[in-house]
Amino acid sequence: MFIHNKRLQYTVRVAAPNPGLANLLLEQFGGPQGELGAACRYFTQAIGEDDPGRKDLLFDIATEELSHLEIVGSIVAMLNKSAKGQLAEAVEAEAELYRSMTGGGNDSHTTALLYGGGPALTNSSGVPWSAAYVDTIGDPTADLRSNIAAEARAKIVYERLINVTDDPGIKETLGFLMTREIAHQKSFEKALHSIQPNFPQGKLPGVPEYTSVYYKMSQGDDATRGPWNEGPDWKFVDSPEPAVDGGDGMATVNVSKGDVKVLQAMASRTASDASSDPTTGADLGAGQAA
């Protein structure tokens, strides 16, 4: 059961309306790294989780992400207050009204016109939110790693948003949201490492002969070496041959005798004549007569 508390998790203080900044902040409202995507990701994971500790963790963080969605949405609404009133009442001349909506230098006028100054479930470019942002796979060792990466990406977006505003109240609030991304990363990583072993993901081990092999797949004489491809844990293959399994590298399938005849007939019917040079539409279009 969810119960809404009318007070925000963190107090929102906006110095002055700014529709352009409001539009940028939509990235964390309805964008791929935003709070709605995070809330839905962790909420759906929690529902399917059997471990009681991870279930509580995921539900708690999912619920907090909804509270962060409310914070971001509230900032957007406050930043759009002037535009909302001006659009509703049309008290300014047309040119002045347009300039007031586009003062941020982006397409904030589109957001204001379509959504009346309220927060929209889109990113800052107007792309609608998508459930495709929720990348849960149903294995905790894989999902927790994905969650850690998602929190890291969200932190970076918050850093960038902090860098594009001089409003001290907004900076402070965004700093809080950014910091909570760090806290969530720590919780998810602790939860991941409470599962032992947690690598590789899933149940099946890798095929031993390929698990610790690094194939140099780029051309050139120099190969940068580091802990990702050298040391006692790695076998470095400088010039890998095709078919590392020792086979001929060709794709084959066993089919029935009946299918063999059908496939041969199809191959004969659709065979290319390499000696022909037919006149084509491209030739005719280029002015060459048949």
C-alpha atoms as a PDB file:
ATOM      1  CA  MET A   1       0.000   0.000   0.000  1.00  0.00           C
ATOM      2  CA  PHE A   2       1.285   3.458  -0.881  1.00  0.00           C
ATOM      3  CA  ILE A   3       0.339   6.509   1.162  1.00  0.00           C
ATOM      4  CA  HIS A   4       1.214   9.932  -0.204  1.00  0.00           C
ATOM      5  CA  ASN A   5       2.735  12.426   2.206  1.00  0.00           C
ATOM      6  CA  LYS A   6       2.080  15.971   1.028  1.00  0.00           C
ATOM      7  CA  ARG A   7       5.524  17.114   2.130  1.00  0.00           C
ATOM      8  CA  LEU A   8       8.434  16.464  -0.205  1.00  0.00           C
ATOM      9  CA  GLN A   9      11.436  14.404   0.845  1.00  0.00           C
ATOM     10  CA  TYR A  10      13.564  17.513   0.224  1.00  0.00           C
ATOM     11  CA  THR A  11      12.371  21.127   0.246  1.00  0.00           C
ATOM     12  CA  VAL A  12      12.233  22.715  -3.209  1.00  0.00           C
ATOM     13  CA  ARG A  13      13.287  26.361  -3.369  1.00  0.00           C
ATOM     14  CA  VAL A  14      13.243  27.985  -6.814  1.00  0.00           C
ATOM     15  CA  ALA A  15      14.523  31.545  -7.073  1.00  0.00           C
ATOM     16  CA  ALA A  16      12.718  32.467 -10.304  1.00  0.00           C
ATOM     17  CA  PRO A  17      10.822  30.824 -13.170  1.00  0.00           C
ATOM     18  CA  ASN A  18      12.936  29.499 -16.024  1.00  0.00           C
ATOM     19  CA  PRO A  19      11.096  27.457 -18.690  1.00  0.00           C
ATOM     20  CA  GLY A  20      14.321  26.542 -20.470  1.00  0.00           C
ATOM     21  CA  LEU A  21      15.817  24.980 -17.349  1.00  0.00           C
ATOM     22  CA  ALA A  22      12.496  23.267 -16.634  1.00  0.00           C
ATOM     23  CA  ASN A  23      12.729  21.598 -20.018  1.00  0.00           C
ATOM     24  CA  LEU A  24      16.249  20.330 -19.305  1.00  0.00           C
ATOM     25  CA  LEU A  25      15.143  18.917 -15.968  1.00  0.00           C
ATOM     26  CA  LEU A  26      12.580  16.733 -17.747  1.00  0.00           C
ATOM     27  CA  GLU A  27      15.544  14.488 -18.519  1.00  0.00           C
ATOM     28  CA  GLN A  28      15.297  13.247 -14.930  1.00  0.00           C
ATOM     29  CA  PHE A  29      11.491  13.095 -14.980  1.00  0.00           C
ATOM     30  CA  GLY A  30      10.702  11.123 -18.115  1.00  0.00           C
ATOM     31  CA  GLY A  31      14.113  10.394 -19.601  1.00  0.00           C
ATOM     32  CA  PRO A  32      15.993   7.078 -19.787  1.00  0.00           C
ATOM     33  CA  GLN A  33      18.107   7.868 -16.699  1.00  0.00           C
ATOM     34  CA  GLY A  34      15.237   9.518 -14.851  1.00  0.00           C
ATOM     35  CA  GLU A  35      13.411   8.797 -11.637  1.00  0.00           C
ATOM     36  CA  LEU A  36      10.325   7.160 -13.154  1.00  0.00           C
ATOM     37  CA  GLY A  37      12.454   4.622 -14.996  1.00  0.00           C
ATOM     38  CA  ALA A  38      14.367   3.860 -11.796  1.00  0.00           C
ATOM     39  CA  ALA A  39      11.194   3.511  -9.730  1.00  0.00           C
ATOM     40  CA  CYS A  40       9.617   1.129 -12.247  1.00  0.00           C
ATOM     41  CA  ARG A  41      12.832  -0.880 -12.586  1.00  0.00           C
ATOM     42  CA  TYR A  42      13.228  -1.490  -8.855  1.00  0.00           C
ATOM     43  CA  PHE A  43       9.498  -1.900  -8.217  1.00  0.00           C
ATOM     44  CA  THR A  44       9.133  -4.689 -10.779  1.00  0.00           C
ATOM     45  CA  GLN A  45      12.304  -6.357  -9.489  1.00  0.00           C
ATOM     46  CA  ALA A  46      10.946  -6.227  -5.945  1.00  0.00           C
ATOM     47  CA  ILE A  47       7.694  -7.898  -6.907  1.00  0.00           C
ATOM     48  CA  GLY A  48       9.555 -10.839  -8.429  1.00  0.00           C
ATOM     49  CA  GLU A  49      12.204 -11.079  -5.687  1.00  0.00           C
ATOM     50  CA  ASP A  50      12.053 -14.029  -3.255  1.00  0.00           C
ATOM     51  CA  ASP A  51      14.863 -12.982  -0.913  1.00  0.00           C
ATOM     52  CA  PRO A  52      13.229 -10.931   1.898  1.00  0.00           C
ATOM     53  CA  GLY A  53      16.203  -8.598   2.345  1.00  0.00           C
ATOM     54  CA  ARG A  54      16.532  -7.728  -1.335  1.00  0.00           C
ATOM     55  CA  LYS A  55      12.759  -7.425  -1.622  1.00  0.00           C
ATOM     56  CA  ASP A  56      12.671  -4.772   1.109  1.00  0.00           C
ATOM     57  CA  LEU A  57      15.697  -3.003  -0.373  1.00  0.00           C
ATOM     58  CA  LEU A  58      14.153  -2.816  -3.836  1.00  0.00           C
ATOM     59  CA  PHE A  59      10.734  -1.677  -2.585  1.00  0.00           C
ATOM     60  CA  ASP A  60      12.316   0.971  -0.340  1.00  0.00           C
ATOM     61  CA  ILE A  61      14.488   2.412  -3.092  1.00  0.00           C
ATOM     62  CA  ALA A  62      11.670   2.192  -5.659  1.00  0.00           C
ATOM     63  CA  THR A  63       9.453   4.176  -3.298  1.00  0.00           C
ATOM     64  CA  GLU A  64      12.190   6.741  -2.702  1.00  0.00           C
ATOM     65  CA  GLU A  65      12.631   7.107  -6.467  1.00  0.00           C
ATOM     66  CA  LEU A  66       8.934   8.008  -6.693  1.00  0.00           C
ATOM     67  CA  SER A  67       9.543  10.679  -4.085  1.00  0.00           C
ATOM     68  CA  HIS A  68      12.440  11.946  -6.202  1.00  0.00           C
ATOM     69  CA  LEU A  69      10.131  12.003  -9.215  1.00  0.00           C
ATOM     70  CA  GLU A  70       7.844  14.247  -7.185  1.00  0.00           C
ATOM     71  CA  ILE A  71      10.768  16.536  -6.321  1.00  0.00           C
ATOM     72  CA  VAL A  72      11.901  16.856  -9.937  1.00  0.00           C
ATOM     73  CA  GLY A  73       8.333  17.376 -11.097  1.00  0.00           C
ATOM     74  CA  SER A  74       7.831  20.063  -8.467  1.00  0.00           C
ATOM     75  CA  ILE A  75      10.959  21.904  -9.630  1.00  0.00           C
ATOM     76  CA  VAL A  76       9.707  21.735 -13.221  1.00  0.00           C
ATOM     77  CA  ALA A  77       6.306  23.054 -12.178  1.00  0.00           C
ATOM     78  CA  MET A  78       7.842  25.919 -10.196  1.00  0.00           C
ATOM     79  CA  LEU A  79      10.170  26.850 -13.058  1.00  0.00           C
ATOM     80  CA  ASN A  80       7.186  26.931 -15.403  1.00  0.00           C
ATOM     81  CA  LYS A  81       4.888  28.965 -13.143  1.00  0.00           C
ATOM     82  CA  SER A  82       5.078  32.137 -15.197  1.00  0.00           C
ATOM     83  CA  ALA A  83       4.678  30.327 -18.505  1.00  0.00           C
ATOM     84  CA  LYS A  84       1.678  28.412 -17.170  1.00  0.00           C
ATOM     85  CA  GLY A  85      -0.122  31.546 -16.099  1.00  0.00           C
ATOM     86  CA  GLN A  86       0.766  33.515 -19.210  1.00  0.00           C
ATOM     87  CA  LEU A  87      -0.401  30.692 -21.477  1.00  0.00           C
ATOM     88  CA  ALA A  88      -3.635  30.223 -19.591  1.00  0.00           C
ATOM     89  CA  GLU A  89      -4.590  33.879 -19.411  1.00  0.00           C
ATOM     90  CA  ALA A  90      -2.758  35.286 -22.482  1.00  0.00           C
ATOM     91  CA  VAL A  91      -1.953  38.530 -20.722  1.00  0.00           C
ATOM     92  CA  GLU A  92       1.123  39.253 -22.840  1.00  0.00           C
ATOM     93  CA  ALA A  93       1.379  40.127 -26.484  1.00  0.00           C
ATOM     94  CA  GLU A  94       2.139  37.170 -28.729  1.00  0.00           C
ATOM     95  CA  ALA A  95       5.790  38.030 -29.359  1.00  0.00           C
ATOM     96  CA  GLU A  96       6.525  38.669 -25.691  1.00  0.00           C
ATOM     97  CA  LEU A  97       4.784  35.460 -24.671  1.00  0.00           C
ATOM     98  CA  TYR A  98       6.860  33.450 -27.138  1.00  0.00           C
ATOM     99  CA  ARG A  99      10.088  35.058 -25.955  1.00  0.00           C
ATOM    100  CA  SER A 100       9.246  34.344 -22.325  1.00  0.00           C
ATOM    101  CA  MET A 101       8.787  30.656 -23.142  1.00  0.00           C
ATOM    102  CA  THR A 102      11.940  30.308 -25.215  1.00  0.00           C
ATOM    103  CA  GLY A 103      14.294  32.276 -22.984  1.00  0.00           C
ATOM    104  CA  GLY A 104      16.232  29.128 -22.141  1.00  0.00           C
ATOM    105  CA  GLY A 105      17.325  28.621 -25.714  1.00  0.00           C
ATOM    106  CA  ASN A 106      15.835  25.131 -26.161  1.00  0.00           C
ATOM    107  CA  ASP A 107      12.442  23.803 -27.203  1.00  0.00           C
ATOM    108  CA  SER A 108      10.777  24.615 -23.878  1.00  0.00           C
ATOM    109  CA  HIS A 109       7.988  26.336 -25.808  1.00  0.00           C
ATOM    110  CA  THR A 110       6.899  22.911 -27.102  1.00  0.00           C
ATOM    111  CA  THR A 111       6.667  21.520 -23.582  1.00  0.00           C
ATOM    112  CA  ALA A 112       4.808  24.572 -22.369  1.00  0.00           C
ATOM    113  CA  LEU A 113       2.300  24.498 -25.231  1.00  0.00           C
ATOM    114  CA  LEU A 114       1.644  20.748 -25.072  1.00  0.00           C
ATOM    115  CA  TYR A 115       1.582  20.307 -21.315  1.00  0.00           C
ATOM    116  CA  GLY A 116       0.640  23.756 -20.053  1.00  0.00           C
ATOM    117  CA  GLY A 117       3.791  24.193 -18.026  1.00  0.00           C
ATOM    118  CA  GLY A 118       3.356  21.003 -16.033  1.00  0.00           C
ATOM    119  CA  PRO A 119       5.942  18.202 -15.916  1.00  0.00           C
ATOM    120  CA  ALA A 120       5.594  15.841 -18.853  1.00  0.00           C
ATOM    121  CA  LEU A 121       6.618  12.193 -19.048  1.00  0.00           C
ATOM    122  CA  THR A 122       9.141  12.969 -21.745  1.00  0.00           C
ATOM    123  CA  ASN A 123      12.838  13.611 -21.866  1.00  0.00           C
ATOM    124  CA  SER A 124      14.232  17.089 -22.533  1.00  0.00           C
ATOM    125  CA  SER A 125      13.822  16.568 -26.286  1.00  0.00           C
ATOM    126  CA  GLY A 126      10.136  15.683 -25.996  1.00  0.00           C
ATOM    127  CA  VAL A 127      10.569  11.930 -26.519  1.00  0.00           C
ATOM    128  CA  PRO A 128       7.862  10.094 -24.518  1.00  0.00           C
ATOM    129  CA  TRP A 129       8.867   7.889 -21.615  1.00  0.00           C
ATOM    130  CA  SER A 130       9.159   4.228 -22.553  1.00  0.00           C
ATOM    131  CA  ALA A 131       8.946   0.987 -20.596  1.00  0.00           C
ATOM    132  CA  ALA A 132      11.971  -0.036 -22.667  1.00  0.00           C
ATOM    133  CA  TYR A 133      14.016   1.962 -20.131  1.00  0.00           C
ATOM    134  CA  VAL A 134      13.300  -0.821 -17.607  1.00  0.00           C
ATOM    135  CA  ASP A 135      15.987  -3.390 -18.373  1.00  0.00           C
ATOM    136  CA  THR A 136      15.257  -6.024 -15.719  1.00  0.00           C
ATOM    137  CA  ILE A 137      16.293  -9.575 -16.688  1.00  0.00           C
ATOM    138  CA  GLY A 138      15.062 -11.469 -13.609  1.00  0.00           C
ATOM    139  CA  ASP A 139      18.405 -12.607 -12.149  1.00  0.00           C
ATOM    140  CA  PRO A 140      19.536 -10.676  -9.046  1.00  0.00           C
ATOM    141  CA  THR A 141      23.263 -10.779  -9.849  1.00  0.00           C
ATOM    142  CA  ALA A 142      22.591  -9.301 -13.290  1.00  0.00           C
ATOM    143  CA  ASP A 143      19.873  -6.874 -12.183  1.00  0.00           C
ATOM    144  CA  LEU A 144      21.861  -5.487  -9.265  1.00  0.00           C
ATOM    145  CA  ARG A 145      24.770  -4.732 -11.592  1.00  0.00           C
ATOM    146  CA  SER A 146      22.366  -3.009 -13.963  1.00  0.00           C
ATOM    147  CA  ASN A 147      20.947  -1.024 -11.049  1.00  0.00           C
ATOM    148  CA  ILE A 148      24.418   0.125 -10.013  1.00  0.00           C
ATOM    149  CA  ALA A 149      25.095   1.305 -13.567  1.00  0.00           C
ATOM    150  CA  ALA A 150      21.701   3.039 -13.755  1.00  0.00           C
ATOM    151  CA  GLU A 151      22.381   4.964 -10.548  1.00  0.00           C
ATOM    152  CA  ALA A 152      25.821   5.933 -11.866  1.00  0.00           C
ATOM    153  CA  ARG A 153      24.335   7.297 -15.100  1.00  0.00           C
ATOM    154  CA  ALA A 154      21.681   9.227 -13.180  1.00  0.00           C
ATOM    155  CA  LYS A 155      24.377  10.779 -10.974  1.00  0.00           C
ATOM    156  CA  ILE A 156      26.217  12.034 -14.042  1.00  0.00           C
ATOM    157  CA  VAL A 157      23.019  13.615 -15.453  1.00  0.00           C
ATOM    158  CA  TYR A 158      22.399  15.371 -12.142  1.00  0.00           C
ATOM    159  CA  GLU A 159      25.978  16.690 -12.180  1.00  0.00           C
ATOM    160  CA  ARG A 160      25.418  18.118 -15.643  1.00  0.00           C
ATOM    161  CA  LEU A 161      22.127  19.719 -14.595  1.00  0.00           C
ATOM    162  CA  ILE A 162      23.832  21.288 -11.573  1.00  0.00           C
ATOM    163  CA  ASN A 163      26.381  22.799 -13.951  1.00  0.00           C
ATOM    164  CA  VAL A 164      23.747  24.555 -16.090  1.00  0.00           C
ATOM    165  CA  THR A 165      21.975  26.515 -13.346  1.00  0.00           C
ATOM    166  CA  ASP A 166      22.991  29.338 -11.028  1.00  0.00           C
ATOM    167  CA  ASP A 167      19.882  29.005  -8.858  1.00  0.00           C
ATOM    168  CA  PRO A 168      21.244  28.110  -5.390  1.00  0.00           C
ATOM    169  CA  GLY A 169      18.045  26.412  -4.254  1.00  0.00           C
ATOM    170  CA  ILE A 170      17.885  24.209  -7.335  1.00  0.00           C
ATOM    171  CA  LYS A 171      21.597  23.401  -7.065  1.00  0.00           C
ATOM    172  CA  GLU A 172      21.081  22.332  -3.461  1.00  0.00           C
ATOM    173  CA  THR A 173      18.107  20.113  -4.310  1.00  0.00           C
ATOM    174  CA  LEU A 174      19.853  18.549  -7.299  1.00  0.00           C
ATOM    175  CA  GLY A 175      22.883  17.954  -5.087  1.00  0.00           C
ATOM    176  CA  PHE A 176      20.675  16.001  -2.687  1.00  0.00           C
ATOM    177  CA  LEU A 177      19.224  13.905  -5.516  1.00  0.00           C
ATOM    178  CA  MET A 178      22.697  13.284  -6.934  1.00  0.00           C
ATOM    179  CA  THR A 179      23.939  12.168  -3.517  1.00  0.00           C
ATOM    180  CA  ARG A 180      21.085   9.724  -3.104  1.00  0.00           C
ATOM    181  CA  GLU A 181      22.200   8.073  -6.346  1.00  0.00           C
ATOM    182  CA  ILE A 182      25.542   7.395  -4.604  1.00  0.00           C
ATOM    183  CA  ALA A 183      23.767   5.932  -1.570  1.00  0.00           C
ATOM    184  CA  HIS A 184      21.700   3.649  -3.772  1.00  0.00           C
ATOM    185  CA  GLN A 185      24.793   2.470  -5.620  1.00  0.00           C
ATOM    186  CA  LYS A 186      26.349   1.506  -2.297  1.00  0.00           C
ATOM    187  CA  SER A 187      23.227  -0.392  -1.192  1.00  0.00           C
ATOM    188  CA  PHE A 188      22.963  -2.267  -4.472  1.00  0.00           C
ATOM    189  CA  GLU A 189      26.647  -3.176  -4.435  1.00  0.00           C
ATOM    190  CA  LYS A 190      26.434  -4.434  -0.854  1.00  0.00           C
ATOM    191  CA  ALA A 191      23.388  -6.496  -1.818  1.00  0.00           C
ATOM    192  CA  LEU A 192      25.229  -7.880  -4.852  1.00  0.00           C
ATOM    193  CA  HIS A 193      28.233  -8.992  -2.835  1.00  0.00           C
ATOM    194  CA  SER A 194      26.024 -10.523  -0.161  1.00  0.00           C
ATOM    195  CA  ILE A 195      25.348 -13.154  -2.836  1.00  0.00           C
ATOM    196  CA  GLN A 196      28.341 -15.479  -3.056  1.00  0.00           C
ATOM    197  CA  PRO A 197      29.383 -16.379  -5.629  1.00  0.00           C
ATOM    198  CA  ASN A 198      27.860 -13.661  -7.810  1.00  0.00           C
ATOM    199  CA  PHE A 199      30.035 -14.042 -10.908  1.00  0.00           C
ATOM    200  CA  PRO A 200      29.441 -15.124 -13.569  1.00  0.00           C
ATOM    201  CA  GLN A 201      25.766 -14.232 -13.515  1.00  0.00           C
ATOM    202  CA  GLY A 202      23.195 -16.991 -13.483  1.00  0.00           C
ATOM    203  CA  LYS A 203      23.887 -20.655 -12.726  1.00  0.00           C
ATOM    204  CA  LEU A 204      25.949 -22.046 -15.581  1.00  0.00           C
ATOM    205  CA  PRO A 205      29.728 -21.568 -15.587  1.00  0.00           C
ATOM    206  CA  GLY A 206      31.540 -20.426 -18.707  1.00  0.00           C
ATOM    207  CA  VAL A 207      33.331 -22.845 -21.023  1.00  0.00           C
ATOM    208  CA  PRO A 208      36.810 -22.988 -19.392  1.00  0.00           C
ATOM    209  CA  GLU A 209      38.805 -22.847 -22.614  1.00  0.00           C
ATOM    210  CA  TYR A 210      37.258 -19.470 -23.530  1.00  0.00           C
ATOM    211  CA  THR A 211      36.542 -17.852 -20.160  1.00  0.00           C
ATOM    212  CA  SER A 212      39.939 -16.189 -19.694  1.00  0.00           C
ATOM    213  CA  VAL A 213      40.987 -15.613 -23.306  1.00  0.00           C
ATOM    214  CA  TYR A 214      41.452 -12.118 -24.776  1.00  0.00           C
ATOM    215  CA  TYR A 215      41.225 -11.966 -28.558  1.00  0.00           C
ATOM    216  CA  LYS A 216      42.974  -8.996 -30.173  1.00  0.00           C
ATOM    217  CA  MET A 217      40.378  -8.152 -32.824  1.00  0.00           C
ATOM    218  CA  SER A 218      41.853  -4.838 -34.000  1.00  0.00           C
ATOM    219  CA  GLN A 219      44.527  -4.489 -36.656  1.00  0.00           C
ATOM    220  CA  GLY A 220      47.845  -2.795 -35.996  1.00  0.00           C
ATOM    221  CA  ASP A 221      51.203  -3.720 -34.574  1.00  0.00           C
ATOM    222  CA  ASP A 222      50.728  -2.246 -31.121  1.00  0.00           C
ATOM    223  CA  ALA A 223      48.276  -3.670 -28.638  1.00  0.00           C
ATOM    224  CA  THR A 224      47.671  -1.760 -25.429  1.00  0.00           C
ATOM    225  CA  ARG A 225      48.028  -4.175 -22.549  1.00  0.00           C
ATOM    226  CA  GLY A 226      46.538  -3.824 -19.104  1.00  0.00           C
ATOM    227  CA  PRO A 227      44.794  -5.795 -16.384  1.00  0.00           C
ATOM    228  CA  TRP A 228      41.896  -6.384 -18.762  1.00  0.00           C
ATOM    229  CA  ASN A 229      44.010  -8.514 -21.104  1.00  0.00           C
ATOM    230  CA  GLU A 230      47.300  -9.467 -19.445  1.00  0.00           C
ATOM    231  CA  GLY A 231      48.549 -11.249 -16.365  1.00  0.00           C
ATOM    232  CA  PRO A 232      48.217 -14.774 -15.019  1.00  0.00           C
ATOM    233  CA  ASP A 233      44.432 -14.759 -15.452  1.00  0.00           C
ATOM    234  CA  TRP A 234      44.552 -14.054 -19.190  1.00  0.00           C
ATOM    235  CA  LYS A 235      45.614 -15.817 -22.336  1.00  0.00           C
ATOM    236  CA  PHE A 236      46.283 -13.141 -24.958  1.00  0.00           C
ATOM    237  CA  VAL A 237      45.721 -14.180 -28.581  1.00  0.00           C
ATOM    238  CA  ASP A 238      47.404 -11.626 -30.822  1.00  0.00           C
ATOM    239  CA  SER A 239      46.060 -12.798 -34.218  1.00  0.00           C
ATOM    240  CA  PRO A 240      43.052 -15.049 -33.690  1.00  0.00           C
ATOM    241  CA  GLU A 241      42.177 -17.334 -36.561  1.00  0.00           C
ATOM    242  CA  PRO A 242      38.579 -17.845 -37.678  1.00  0.00           C
ATOM    243  CA  ALA A 243      36.805 -20.735 -35.984  1.00  0.00           C
ATOM    244  CA  VAL A 244      38.609 -20.745 -32.642  1.00  0.00           C
ATOM    245  CA  ASP A 245      36.900 -24.055 -31.906  1.00  0.00           C
ATOM    246  CA  GLY A 246      39.094 -25.795 -34.476  1.00  0.00           C
ATOM    247  CA  GLY A 247      36.295 -26.305 -36.997  1.00  0.00           C
ATOM    248  CA  ASP A 248      36.048 -24.961 -40.537  1.00  0.00           C
ATOM    249  CA  GLY A 249      34.059 -21.888 -39.500  1.00  0.00           C
ATOM    250  CA  MET A 250      31.118 -22.721 -41.753  1.00  0.00           C
ATOM    251  CA  ALA A 251      27.458 -22.974 -40.754  1.00  0.00           C
ATOM    252  CA  THR A 252      25.840 -26.372 -41.372  1.00  0.00           C
ATOM    253  CA  VAL A 253      22.551 -28.071 -40.593  1.00  0.00           C
ATOM    254  CA  ASN A 254      21.251 -31.603 -41.076  1.00  0.00           C
ATOM    255  CA  VAL A 255      18.025 -31.678 -43.080  1.00  0.00           C
ATOM    256  CA  SER A 256      15.810 -34.471 -44.362  1.00  0.00           C
ATOM    257  CA  LYS A 257      16.192 -35.955 -47.850  1.00  0.00           C
ATOM    258  CA  GLY A 258      12.963 -34.272 -48.875  1.00  0.00           C
ATOM    259  CA  ASP A 259      14.261 -30.890 -47.772  1.00  0.00           C
ATOM    260  CA  VAL A 260      17.500 -31.457 -49.673  1.00  0.00           C
ATOM    261  CA  LYS A 261      15.570 -31.803 -52.935  1.00  0.00           C
ATOM    262  CA  VAL A 262      13.465 -28.712 -52.195  1.00  0.00           C
ATOM    263  CA  LEU A 263      16.530 -26.649 -51.302  1.00  0.00           C
ATOM    264  CA  GLN A 264      18.361 -27.791 -54.452  1.00  0.00           C
ATOM    265  CA  ALA A 265      15.377 -26.845 -56.595  1.00  0.00           C
ATOM    266  CA  MET A 266      15.189 -23.420 -54.961  1.00  0.00           C
ATOM    267  CA  ALA A 267      18.923 -22.852 -55.418  1.00  0.00           C
ATOM    268  CA  SER A 268      18.664 -23.785 -59.098  1.00  0.00           C
ATOM    269  CA  ARG A 269      15.659 -21.523 -59.660  1.00  0.00           C
ATOM    270  CA  THR A 270      17.235 -18.497 -57.967  1.00  0.00           C
ATOM    271  CA  ALA A 271      20.817 -18.980 -59.224  1.00  0.00           C
ATOM    272  CA  SER A 272      22.700 -15.924 -60.509  1.00  0.00           C
ATOM    273  CA  ASP A 273      24.152 -15.788 -64.022  1.00  0.00           C
ATOM    274  CA  ALA A 274      27.558 -14.233 -63.426  1.00  0.00           C
ATOM    275  CA  SER A 275      28.176 -13.806 -67.164  1.00  0.00           C
ATOM    276  CA  SER A 276      25.090 -11.656 -67.792  1.00  0.00           C
ATOM    277  CA  ASP A 277      25.048  -7.847 -67.812  1.00  0.00           C
ATOM    278  CA  PRO A 278      21.372  -6.898 -68.008  1.00  0.00           C
ATOM    279  CA  THR A 279      20.164  -3.354 -68.615  1.00  0.00           C
ATOM    280  CA  THR A 280      18.519  -2.126 -65.443  1.00  0.00           C
ATOM    281  CA  GLY A 281      16.377   0.775 -64.378  1.00  0.00           C
ATOM    282  CA  ALA A 282      19.512   2.501 -63.141  1.00  0.00           C
ATOM    283  CA  ASP A 283      21.003   2.229 -66.639  1.00  0.00           C
ATOM    284  CA  LEU A 284      17.846   3.595 -68.269  1.00  0.00           C
ATOM    285  CA  GLY A 285      17.646   6.395 -65.728  1.00  0.00           C
ATOM    286  CA  ALA A 286      21.212   7.343 -66.575  1.00  0.00           C
ATOM    287  CA  GLY A 287      20.256   7.780 -70.241  1.00  0.00           C
ATOM    288  CA  GLN A 288      21.519   4.446 -71.560  1.00  0.00           C
ATOM    289  CA  ALA A 289      19.205   2.900 -74.147  1.00  0.00           C
ATOM    290  CA  ALA A 290      18.253  -0.745 -73.854  1.00  0.00           C
END
